[in-house]
Amino acid sequence: MHLAPTERQQRLRTELRSYFRTLMSDEAAPGNERQQRRLLRRIGADGLLGLGWPEAYGGQGRGPDEQFVFFDEAYRAGAPVSMVTLNTVGPTLMAYGTEEQKAYFLPRILGGDLVFAIGYSEPEAGTDLAALRTRAVRDGDDWVIDGQKIFTSNAQQADWIWLACRTDPEAPKHRGISIILVPTDSPGFSWT
């Protein structure tokens, strides 16, 4: 079976390739974080970060195939687009987030103002979440988190960590795990 792009997909690919060619420059070198953020905000302001997101959440409402074309062209151009933020965090918040979380995070993600990193892997567990050791304990309205993560790609540029923690130590190993959104400027948070 040979899957060929549709005319609509090919047209979008051509438009995006031209867009990214114009947008990207030598100033967008990977080491220049300020310029990378400026470019991400520009892509957001141009409405492209939400190309495949539902209109109800500020996206363009296009299909997953067109979202893939966007990611493919962004990656090809070396554009500073956080796939984790757009493909994991955003859609999960749309499906399971509180209204308060949706109102805070989704517009900022689409605007290119927030970047997430995923905190899953641990020194003794790798990505085996059943062996997760990082713990979170409720303290009033806050969570006190104790643990260590490794291989947290993009932690140095992230504003928030999508952190997997054990919140119910009495539950079986494959249960009692929660995702907690942790701002990277939180006391005690560090990366090396």
Protein backbone atom coordinates (compact mmCIF):
# COMPACT_ATOMS: atom_id res chain seq x y z
CA MET A 1 0.00 0.00 0.00
CA HIS A 2 1.29 3.44 -0.88
CA LEU A 3 -0.13 6.38 1.02
CA ALA A 4 0.26 9.56 -0.92
CA PRO A 5 -0.40 12.98 0.58
CA THR A 6 -3.67 14.58 -0.37
CA GLU A 7 -3.72 17.78 -2.36
CA ARG A 8 -4.72 19.64 0.81
CA GLN A 9 -1.80 18.15 2.75
CA GLN A 10 0.64 18.93 -0.03
CA ARG A 11 -0.60 22.52 -0.23
CA LEU A 12 -0.20 22.89 3.55
CA ARG A 13 3.30 21.40 3.38
CA THR A 14 4.29 23.90 0.68
CA GLU A 15 2.85 26.81 2.70
CA LEU A 16 4.59 25.69 5.89
CA ARG A 17 7.91 25.09 4.19
CA SER A 18 7.80 28.63 2.81
CA TYR A 19 6.72 30.01 6.20
CA PHE A 20 9.55 28.30 8.09
CA ARG A 21 12.12 29.23 5.44
CA THR A 22 11.18 32.90 5.95
CA LEU A 23 11.00 32.61 9.74
CA MET A 24 14.23 30.78 10.42
CA SER A 25 17.61 32.46 10.17
CA ASP A 26 21.15 32.17 11.48
CA GLU A 27 19.93 34.03 14.58
CA ALA A 28 17.83 31.00 15.46
CA ALA A 29 20.84 28.91 16.44
CA PRO A 30 19.98 26.23 19.04
CA GLY A 31 22.15 27.89 21.70
CA ASN A 32 20.33 31.21 21.52
CA GLU A 33 17.46 30.58 23.95
CA ARG A 34 16.04 34.11 23.83
CA GLN A 35 15.79 33.98 20.03
CA GLN A 36 14.27 30.47 20.21
CA ARG A 37 11.53 31.77 22.52
CA ARG A 38 10.90 34.77 20.30
CA LEU A 39 10.46 32.43 17.33
CA LEU A 40 8.14 30.13 19.29
CA ARG A 41 5.98 33.11 20.26
CA ARG A 42 5.92 34.22 16.64
CA ILE A 43 4.74 30.78 15.50
CA GLY A 44 2.07 30.98 18.21
CA ALA A 45 1.01 34.49 17.22
CA ASP A 46 0.70 33.27 13.63
CA GLY A 47 -1.78 30.64 14.85
CA LEU A 48 0.24 27.62 13.80
CA LEU A 49 0.91 25.96 17.15
CA GLY A 50 -2.75 25.03 17.40
CA LEU A 51 -3.16 23.91 13.83
CA GLY A 52 -4.58 20.53 14.89
CA TRP A 53 -6.16 21.58 18.18
CA PRO A 54 -9.96 21.94 18.42
CA GLU A 55 -11.34 25.41 17.75
CA ALA A 56 -13.01 25.32 21.19
CA TYR A 57 -9.53 25.52 22.71
CA GLY A 58 -8.14 28.15 20.36
CA GLY A 59 -6.86 25.86 17.63
CA GLN A 60 -7.62 25.76 13.93
CA GLY A 61 -9.56 22.50 14.19
CA ARG A 62 -7.68 20.74 11.41
CA GLY A 63 -7.11 17.00 11.48
CA PRO A 64 -4.24 14.94 12.89
CA ASP A 65 -2.81 14.49 9.40
CA GLU A 66 -2.37 18.24 9.04
CA GLN A 67 -0.96 18.47 12.56
CA PHE A 68 1.62 15.87 11.49
CA VAL A 69 2.52 17.93 8.41
CA PHE A 70 3.07 20.93 10.71
CA PHE A 71 5.35 18.95 13.04
CA ASP A 72 7.22 17.43 10.13
CA GLU A 73 7.92 20.81 8.54
CA ALA A 74 8.75 22.47 11.89
CA TYR A 75 11.23 19.69 12.64
CA ARG A 76 12.68 19.84 9.14
CA ALA A 77 13.27 23.59 9.53
CA GLY A 78 14.75 23.28 13.02
CA ALA A 79 11.97 25.44 14.45
CA PRO A 80 11.77 25.61 18.26
CA VAL A 81 8.46 23.78 18.64
CA SER A 82 7.93 21.68 21.78
CA MET A 83 6.25 18.52 20.55
CA VAL A 84 5.75 17.31 24.14
CA THR A 85 3.90 20.48 25.03
CA LEU A 86 1.63 20.39 21.97
CA ASN A 87 1.14 16.62 21.61
CA THR A 88 1.04 15.42 25.22
CA VAL A 89 0.40 18.21 27.71
CA GLY A 90 -2.14 20.23 25.73
CA PRO A 91 -4.37 17.35 24.62
CA THR A 92 -4.29 15.75 28.08
CA LEU A 93 -5.30 19.02 29.71
CA MET A 94 -8.12 19.38 27.16
CA ALA A 95 -9.41 15.92 28.08
CA TYR A 96 -8.78 15.80 31.83
CA GLY A 97 -7.79 19.25 33.10
CA THR A 98 -9.92 21.43 35.31
CA GLU A 99 -11.50 24.50 33.78
CA GLU A 100 -8.97 26.58 35.72
CA GLN A 101 -6.07 24.58 34.25
CA LYS A 102 -7.49 24.83 30.74
CA ALA A 103 -7.98 28.59 31.06
CA TYR A 104 -4.44 29.11 32.34
CA PHE A 105 -2.34 26.68 30.31
CA LEU A 106 -3.96 26.22 26.90
CA PRO A 107 -3.85 29.85 25.67
CA ARG A 108 -0.26 30.20 26.92
CA ILE A 109 0.78 27.00 25.16
CA LEU A 110 -0.80 28.16 21.91
CA GLY A 111 0.83 31.57 22.30
CA GLY A 112 4.27 29.99 22.62
CA ASP A 113 4.59 31.35 26.15
CA LEU A 114 4.89 28.02 27.97
CA VAL A 115 7.14 25.04 27.32
CA PHE A 116 6.92 21.76 29.21
CA ALA A 117 9.39 18.95 29.77
CA ILE A 118 8.35 15.47 30.86
CA GLY A 119 9.65 14.14 34.18
CA TYR A 120 9.23 10.36 33.95
CA SER A 121 12.66 8.66 33.89
CA GLU A 122 14.44 7.92 37.15
CA PRO A 123 17.91 6.60 38.03
CA GLU A 124 16.72 3.22 39.36
CA ALA A 125 13.61 2.83 37.19
CA GLY A 126 14.26 4.31 33.77
CA THR A 127 10.84 4.85 32.21
CA ASP A 128 9.23 1.95 34.10
CA LEU A 129 6.58 3.97 35.90
CA ALA A 130 5.60 0.98 38.05
CA ALA A 131 9.06 1.29 39.65
CA LEU A 132 8.62 5.04 40.21
CA ARG A 133 10.20 6.32 43.44
CA THR A 134 9.46 10.06 43.28
CA ARG A 135 6.81 10.77 45.90
CA ALA A 136 4.34 13.60 46.35
CA VAL A 137 2.63 14.21 49.69
CA ARG A 138 -0.21 16.67 50.21
CA ASP A 139 0.57 19.59 52.54
CA GLY A 140 -2.52 21.79 52.69
CA ASP A 141 -3.15 23.07 49.17
CA ASP A 142 0.35 22.13 48.02
CA TRP A 143 2.21 18.97 47.13
CA VAL A 144 5.65 18.33 48.61
CA ILE A 145 7.64 16.35 46.06
CA ASP A 146 10.72 14.30 46.86
CA GLY A 147 12.62 12.48 44.16
CA GLN A 148 14.98 12.64 41.24
CA LYS A 149 14.46 12.46 37.49
CA ILE A 150 16.97 11.87 34.71
CA PHE A 151 17.01 12.37 30.95
CA THR A 152 14.48 15.19 31.17
CA SER A 153 14.85 16.53 27.66
CA ASN A 154 14.46 20.29 27.39
CA ALA A 155 14.43 20.82 31.18
CA GLN A 156 16.83 23.74 30.71
CA GLN A 157 14.25 25.60 28.59
CA ALA A 158 11.05 24.37 30.20
CA ASP A 159 8.77 26.58 32.25
CA TRP A 160 6.95 23.58 33.70
CA ILE A 161 7.66 19.89 34.25
CA TRP A 162 4.93 17.32 33.56
CA LEU A 163 6.02 15.22 36.55
CA ALA A 164 5.05 11.61 37.29
CA CYS A 165 4.95 10.99 41.06
CA ARG A 166 3.70 8.33 43.39
CA THR A 167 0.83 9.90 45.37
CA ASP A 168 -0.59 6.71 46.91
CA PRO A 169 2.20 4.52 48.31
CA GLU A 170 -0.37 1.93 49.47
CA ALA A 171 -1.66 1.31 45.93
CA PRO A 172 -0.29 -1.47 43.72
CA LYS A 173 2.88 -0.42 41.84
CA HIS A 174 1.04 0.25 38.58
CA ARG A 175 -1.49 2.49 40.34
CA GLY A 176 -1.30 5.44 42.70
CA ILE A 177 0.69 7.51 40.20
CA SER A 178 -0.26 11.09 39.40
CA ILE A 179 0.95 13.75 37.03
CA ILE A 180 1.72 17.00 38.82
CA LEU A 181 2.52 20.18 36.93
CA VAL A 182 5.60 21.72 38.53
CA PRO A 183 6.86 25.21 37.65
CA THR A 184 10.61 25.11 37.08
CA ASP A 185 11.06 28.13 39.33
CA SER A 186 9.66 26.19 42.32
CA PRO A 187 11.82 26.08 45.46
CA GLY A 188 13.95 22.94 45.42
CA PHE A 189 13.71 22.36 41.69
CA SER A 190 17.03 22.12 39.88
CA TRP A 191 18.53 20.53 36.80
CA THR A 192 22.06 19.79 35.68
